[in-house]
């Protein structure tokens, strides 16, 4: 059973997250012989003050 882990910034709507989960599941199933029931997607939401790029927190941009 594959597990897809996605870290993303907090703030997306539940509907947006549903679309992300569905798209990832569909993409995985399209290249494998697995049914969607066998694909696990874990979304980890990270606050902007815990996410940095190029040495700067996203919250500071």
PDB file of N, CA and C in Angstrom:
ATOM      1  N   UNK A   1       0.846  -1.173   0.000  1.00  0.00           N
ATOM      2  CA  UNK A   1       0.000   0.000   0.000  1.00  0.00           C
ATOM      3  C   UNK A   1       0.896   1.242   0.000  1.00  0.00           C
ATOM      4  N   UNK A   2       0.836   2.043  -1.059  1.00  0.00           N
ATOM      5  CA  UNK A   2       1.657   3.252  -1.106  1.00  0.00           C
ATOM      6  C   UNK A   2       1.102   4.335  -0.190  1.00  0.00           C
ATOM      7  N   UNK A   3       2.012   5.117   0.357  1.00  0.00           N
ATOM      8  CA  UNK A   3       1.645   6.262   1.176  1.00  0.00           C
ATOM      9  C   UNK A   3       2.291   7.486   0.542  1.00  0.00           C
ATOM     10  N   UNK A   4       1.478   8.463   0.194  1.00  0.00           N
ATOM     11  CA  UNK A   4       1.966   9.707  -0.393  1.00  0.00           C
ATOM     12  C   UNK A   4       1.891  10.775   0.688  1.00  0.00           C
ATOM     13  N   UNK A   5       3.043  11.333   1.059  1.00  0.00           N
ATOM     14  CA  UNK A   5       3.106  12.380   2.079  1.00  0.00           C
ATOM     15  C   UNK A   5       3.317  13.722   1.395  1.00  0.00           C
ATOM     16  N   UNK A   6       2.484  14.684   1.746  1.00  0.00           N
ATOM     17  CA  UNK A   6       2.575  16.019   1.165  1.00  0.00           C
ATOM     18  C   UNK A   6       2.613  17.044   2.287  1.00  0.00           C
ATOM     19  N   UNK A   7       3.642  17.883   2.280  1.00  0.00           N
ATOM     20  CA  UNK A   7       3.699  19.008   3.213  1.00  0.00           C
ATOM     21  C   UNK A   7       3.280  20.250   2.441  1.00  0.00           C
ATOM     22  N   UNK A   8       2.350  21.016   3.021  1.00  0.00           N
ATOM     23  CA  UNK A   8       1.880  22.211   2.359  1.00  0.00           C
ATOM     24  C   UNK A   8       1.599  23.293   3.381  1.00  0.00           C
ATOM     25  N   UNK A   9       1.664  24.527   2.931  1.00  0.00           N
ATOM     26  CA  UNK A   9       1.378  25.634   3.827  1.00  0.00           C
ATOM     27  C   UNK A   9      -0.087  25.604   4.242  1.00  0.00           C
ATOM     28  N   UNK A  10      -0.353  25.956   5.467  1.00  0.00           N
ATOM     29  CA  UNK A  10      -1.716  26.027   5.983  1.00  0.00           C
ATOM     30  C   UNK A  10      -2.489  27.102   5.236  1.00  0.00           C
ATOM     31  N   UNK A  11      -3.807  26.936   5.217  1.00  0.00           N
ATOM     32  CA  UNK A  11      -4.640  27.982   4.667  1.00  0.00           C
ATOM     33  C   UNK A  11      -5.502  27.557   3.496  1.00  0.00           C
ATOM     34  N   UNK A  12      -5.276  26.373   2.962  1.00  0.00           N
ATOM     35  CA  UNK A  12      -6.120  25.915   1.862  1.00  0.00           C
ATOM     36  C   UNK A  12      -7.471  25.462   2.404  1.00  0.00           C
ATOM     37  N   UNK A  13      -8.483  25.588   1.577  1.00  0.00           N
ATOM     38  CA  UNK A  13      -9.815  25.171   1.998  1.00  0.00           C
ATOM     39  C   UNK A  13      -9.897  23.645   1.995  1.00  0.00           C
ATOM     40  N   UNK A  14     -10.907  23.129   2.679  1.00  0.00           N
ATOM     41  CA  UNK A  14     -11.120  21.681   2.684  1.00  0.00           C
ATOM     42  C   UNK A  14     -11.383  21.183   1.266  1.00  0.00           C
ATOM     43  N   UNK A  15     -12.099  21.981   0.471  1.00  0.00           N
ATOM     44  CA  UNK A  15     -12.373  21.602  -0.916  1.00  0.00           C
ATOM     45  C   UNK A  15     -11.076  21.523  -1.729  1.00  0.00           C
ATOM     46  N   UNK A  16     -10.174  22.479  -1.530  1.00  0.00           N
ATOM     47  CA  UNK A  16      -8.872  22.436  -2.214  1.00  0.00           C
ATOM     48  C   UNK A  16      -8.112  21.164  -1.833  1.00  0.00           C
ATOM     49  N   UNK A  17      -8.138  20.826  -0.549  1.00  0.00           N
ATOM     50  CA  UNK A  17      -7.424  19.628  -0.089  1.00  0.00           C
ATOM     51  C   UNK A  17      -8.060  18.362  -0.655  1.00  0.00           C
ATOM     52  N   UNK A  18      -9.369  18.342  -0.781  1.00  0.00           N
ATOM     53  CA  UNK A  18     -10.042  17.193  -1.418  1.00  0.00           C
ATOM     54  C   UNK A  18      -9.559  17.018  -2.858  1.00  0.00           C
ATOM     55  N   UNK A  19      -9.438  18.136  -3.573  1.00  0.00           N
ATOM     56  CA  UNK A  19      -8.980  18.093  -4.961  1.00  0.00           C
ATOM     57  C   UNK A  19      -7.540  17.589  -5.054  1.00  0.00           C
ATOM     58  N   UNK A  20      -6.694  18.035  -4.145  1.00  0.00           N
ATOM     59  CA  UNK A  20      -5.300  17.586  -4.123  1.00  0.00           C
ATOM     60  C   UNK A  20      -5.229  16.084  -3.890  1.00  0.00           C
ATOM     61  N   UNK A  21      -5.954  15.608  -2.870  1.00  0.00           N
ATOM     62  CA  UNK A  21      -5.956  14.182  -2.532  1.00  0.00           C
ATOM     63  C   UNK A  21      -6.484  13.347  -3.704  1.00  0.00           C
ATOM     64  N   UNK A  22      -7.553  13.812  -4.321  1.00  0.00           N
ATOM     65  CA  UNK A  22      -8.134  13.080  -5.456  1.00  0.00           C
ATOM     66  C   UNK A  22      -7.158  13.036  -6.631  1.00  0.00           C
ATOM     67  N   UNK A  23      -6.538  14.165  -6.952  1.00  0.00           N
ATOM     68  CA  UNK A  23      -5.604  14.229  -8.075  1.00  0.00           C
ATOM     69  C   UNK A  23      -4.393  13.328  -7.849  1.00  0.00           C
ATOM     70  N   UNK A  24      -3.855  13.333  -6.634  1.00  0.00           N
ATOM     71  CA  UNK A  24      -2.711  12.477  -6.331  1.00  0.00           C
ATOM     72  C   UNK A  24      -3.081  10.998  -6.414  1.00  0.00           C
ATOM     73  N   UNK A  25      -4.240  10.659  -5.864  1.00  0.00           N
ATOM     74  CA  UNK A  25      -4.709   9.268  -5.912  1.00  0.00           C
ATOM     75  C   UNK A  25      -4.923   8.828  -7.354  1.00  0.00           C
ATOM     76  N   UNK A  26      -5.601   9.658  -8.137  1.00  0.00           N
ATOM     77  CA  UNK A  26      -5.854   9.322  -9.542  1.00  0.00           C
ATOM     78  C   UNK A  26      -4.551   9.164 -10.326  1.00  0.00           C
ATOM     79  N   UNK A  27      -3.587  10.060 -10.081  1.00  0.00           N
ATOM     80  CA  UNK A  27      -2.309   9.985 -10.784  1.00  0.00           C
ATOM     81  C   UNK A  27      -1.579   8.684 -10.450  1.00  0.00           C
ATOM     82  N   UNK A  28      -1.565   8.321  -9.168  1.00  0.00           N
ATOM     83  CA  UNK A  28      -0.880   7.094  -8.777  1.00  0.00           C
ATOM     84  C   UNK A  28      -1.555   5.879  -9.411  1.00  0.00           C
ATOM     85  N   UNK A  29      -2.865   5.854  -9.364  1.00  0.00           N
ATOM     86  CA  UNK A  29      -3.607   4.709  -9.909  1.00  0.00           C
ATOM     87  C   UNK A  29      -3.451   4.607 -11.423  1.00  0.00           C
ATOM     88  N   UNK A  30      -3.256   5.737 -12.091  1.00  0.00           N
ATOM     89  CA  UNK A  30      -3.129   5.711 -13.548  1.00  0.00           C
ATOM     90  C   UNK A  30      -1.824   5.066 -14.008  1.00  0.00           C
ATOM     91  N   UNK A  31      -0.835   4.981 -13.135  1.00  0.00           N
ATOM     92  CA  UNK A  31       0.446   4.378 -13.524  1.00  0.00           C
ATOM     93  C   UNK A  31       0.727   3.068 -12.790  1.00  0.00           C
ATOM     94  N   UNK A  32      -0.259   2.592 -12.044  1.00  0.00           N
ATOM     95  CA  UNK A  32      -0.089   1.330 -11.323  1.00  0.00           C
ATOM     96  C   UNK A  32      -1.345   0.486 -11.497  1.00  0.00           C
ATOM     97  N   UNK A  33      -1.288  -0.701 -10.979  1.00  0.00           N
ATOM     98  CA  UNK A  33      -2.450  -1.583 -11.039  1.00  0.00           C
ATOM     99  C   UNK A  33      -3.257  -1.538  -9.748  1.00  0.00           C
ATOM    100  N   UNK A  34      -3.079  -0.504  -8.959  1.00  0.00           N
ATOM    101  CA  UNK A  34      -3.770  -0.427  -7.675  1.00  0.00           C
ATOM    102  C   UNK A  34      -5.112   0.284  -7.797  1.00  0.00           C
ATOM    103  N   UNK A  35      -6.037  -0.143  -6.961  1.00  0.00           N
ATOM    104  CA  UNK A  35      -7.325   0.536  -6.844  1.00  0.00           C
ATOM    105  C   UNK A  35      -7.152   1.723  -5.886  1.00  0.00           C
ATOM    106  N   UNK A  36      -7.963   2.747  -6.024  1.00  0.00           N
ATOM    107  CA  UNK A  36      -7.856   3.922  -5.144  1.00  0.00           C
ATOM    108  C   UNK A  36      -7.926   3.584  -3.653  1.00  0.00           C
ATOM    109  N   UNK A  37      -8.656   2.531  -3.306  1.00  0.00           N
ATOM    110  CA  UNK A  37      -8.765   2.135  -1.884  1.00  0.00           C
ATOM    111  C   UNK A  37      -7.418   1.780  -1.278  1.00  0.00           C
ATOM    112  N   UNK A  38      -6.434   1.484  -2.119  1.00  0.00           N
ATOM    113  CA  UNK A  38      -5.125   1.061  -1.631  1.00  0.00           C
ATOM    114  C   UNK A  38      -4.103   2.180  -1.567  1.00  0.00           C
ATOM    115  N   UNK A  39      -4.508   3.384  -1.899  1.00  0.00           N
ATOM    116  CA  UNK A  39      -3.586   4.527  -1.898  1.00  0.00           C
ATOM    117  C   UNK A  39      -3.912   5.423  -0.706  1.00  0.00           C
ATOM    118  N   UNK A  40      -2.895   5.704   0.090  1.00  0.00           N
ATOM    119  CA  UNK A  40      -3.053   6.568   1.260  1.00  0.00           C
ATOM    120  C   UNK A  40      -2.359   7.897   0.969  1.00  0.00           C
ATOM    121  N   UNK A  41      -3.040   9.001   1.238  1.00  0.00           N
ATOM    122  CA  UNK A  41      -2.446  10.331   1.094  1.00  0.00           C
ATOM    123  C   UNK A  41      -2.507  11.016   2.446  1.00  0.00           C
ATOM    124  N   UNK A  42      -1.370  11.535   2.896  1.00  0.00           N
ATOM    125  CA  UNK A  42      -1.297  12.253   4.161  1.00  0.00           C
ATOM    126  C   UNK A  42      -0.889  13.689   3.868  1.00  0.00           C
ATOM    127  N   UNK A  43      -1.735  14.619   4.251  1.00  0.00           N
ATOM    128  CA  UNK A  43      -1.417  16.035   4.109  1.00  0.00           C
ATOM    129  C   UNK A  43      -0.951  16.562   5.457  1.00  0.00           C
ATOM    130  N   UNK A  44       0.204  17.180   5.471  1.00  0.00           N
ATOM    131  CA  UNK A  44       0.723  17.806   6.678  1.00  0.00           C
ATOM    132  C   UNK A  44       0.756  19.303   6.437  1.00  0.00           C
ATOM    133  N   UNK A  45      -0.077  20.009   7.172  1.00  0.00           N
ATOM    134  CA  UNK A  45      -0.129  21.459   7.025  1.00  0.00           C
ATOM    135  C   UNK A  45       0.897  22.109   7.949  1.00  0.00           C
ATOM    136  N   UNK A  46       1.651  23.034   7.374  1.00  0.00           N
ATOM    137  CA  UNK A  46       2.718  23.709   8.101  1.00  0.00           C
ATOM    138  C   UNK A  46       2.418  25.207   8.125  1.00  0.00           C
ATOM    139  N   UNK A  47       2.511  25.795   9.285  1.00  0.00           N
ATOM    140  CA  UNK A  47       2.301  27.241   9.406  1.00  0.00           C
ATOM    141  C   UNK A  47       3.444  27.989   8.716  1.00  0.00           C
ATOM    142  N   UNK A  48       3.122  29.153   8.173  1.00  0.00           N
ATOM    143  CA  UNK A  48       4.109  29.937   7.427  1.00  0.00           C
ATOM    144  C   UNK A  48       5.314  30.321   8.284  1.00  0.00           C
ATOM    145  N   UNK A  49       5.132  30.428   9.600  1.00  0.00           N
ATOM    146  CA  UNK A  49       6.267  30.771  10.463  1.00  0.00           C
ATOM    147  C   UNK A  49       7.110  29.552  10.824  1.00  0.00           C
ATOM    148  N   UNK A  50       6.793  28.394  10.231  1.00  0.00           N
ATOM    149  CA  UNK A  50       7.597  27.185  10.403  1.00  0.00           C
ATOM    150  C   UNK A  50       8.175  26.715   9.077  1.00  0.00           C
ATOM    151  N   UNK A  51       7.996  27.493   8.017  1.00  0.00           N
ATOM    152  CA  UNK A  51       8.408  27.094   6.671  1.00  0.00           C
ATOM    153  C   UNK A  51       9.325  28.179   6.140  1.00  0.00           C
ATOM    154  N   UNK A  52      10.522  27.790   5.746  1.00  0.00           N
ATOM    155  CA  UNK A  52      11.483  28.770   5.245  1.00  0.00           C
ATOM    156  C   UNK A  52      12.027  28.343   3.886  1.00  0.00           C
ATOM    157  N   UNK A  53      12.371  29.346   3.113  1.00  0.00           N
ATOM    158  CA  UNK A  53      13.004  29.112   1.816  1.00  0.00           C
ATOM    159  C   UNK A  53      14.093  30.162   1.646  1.00  0.00           C
ATOM    160  N   UNK A  54      15.231  29.711   1.211  1.00  0.00           N
ATOM    161  CA  UNK A  54      16.374  30.610   1.002  1.00  0.00           C
ATOM    162  C   UNK A  54      16.719  31.389   2.270  1.00  0.00           C
ATOM    163  N   UNK A  55      16.559  30.739   3.408  1.00  0.00           N
ATOM    164  CA  UNK A  55      16.938  31.342   4.677  1.00  0.00           C
ATOM    165  C   UNK A  55      15.950  32.328   5.256  1.00  0.00           C
ATOM    166  N   UNK A  56      14.765  32.420   4.667  1.00  0.00           N
ATOM    167  CA  UNK A  56      13.753  33.363   5.139  1.00  0.00           C
ATOM    168  C   UNK A  56      12.429  32.645   5.346  1.00  0.00           C
ATOM    169  N   UNK A  57      11.801  32.898   6.483  1.00  0.00           N
ATOM    170  CA  UNK A  57      10.501  32.305   6.719  1.00  0.00           C
ATOM    171  C   UNK A  57       9.478  32.873   5.732  1.00  0.00           C
ATOM    172  N   UNK A  58       8.574  32.027   5.299  1.00  0.00           N
ATOM    173  CA  UNK A  58       7.527  32.455   4.396  1.00  0.00           C
ATOM    174  C   UNK A  58       6.698  33.572   5.032  1.00  0.00           C
ATOM    175  N   UNK A  59       6.494  33.478   6.328  1.00  0.00           N
ATOM    176  CA  UNK A  59       5.714  34.499   7.031  1.00  0.00           C
ATOM    177  C   UNK A  59       6.369  35.866   7.022  1.00  0.00           C
ATOM    178  N   UNK A  60       7.674  35.933   6.766  1.00  0.00           N
ATOM    179  CA  UNK A  60       8.394  37.204   6.731  1.00  0.00           C
ATOM    180  C   UNK A  60       8.419  37.820   5.329  1.00  0.00           C
ATOM    181  N   UNK A  61       7.893  37.116   4.365  1.00  0.00           N
ATOM    182  CA  UNK A  61       7.948  37.639   2.989  1.00  0.00           C
ATOM    183  C   UNK A  61       6.801  38.537   2.685  1.00  0.00           C
TER     184      UNK A  61
END
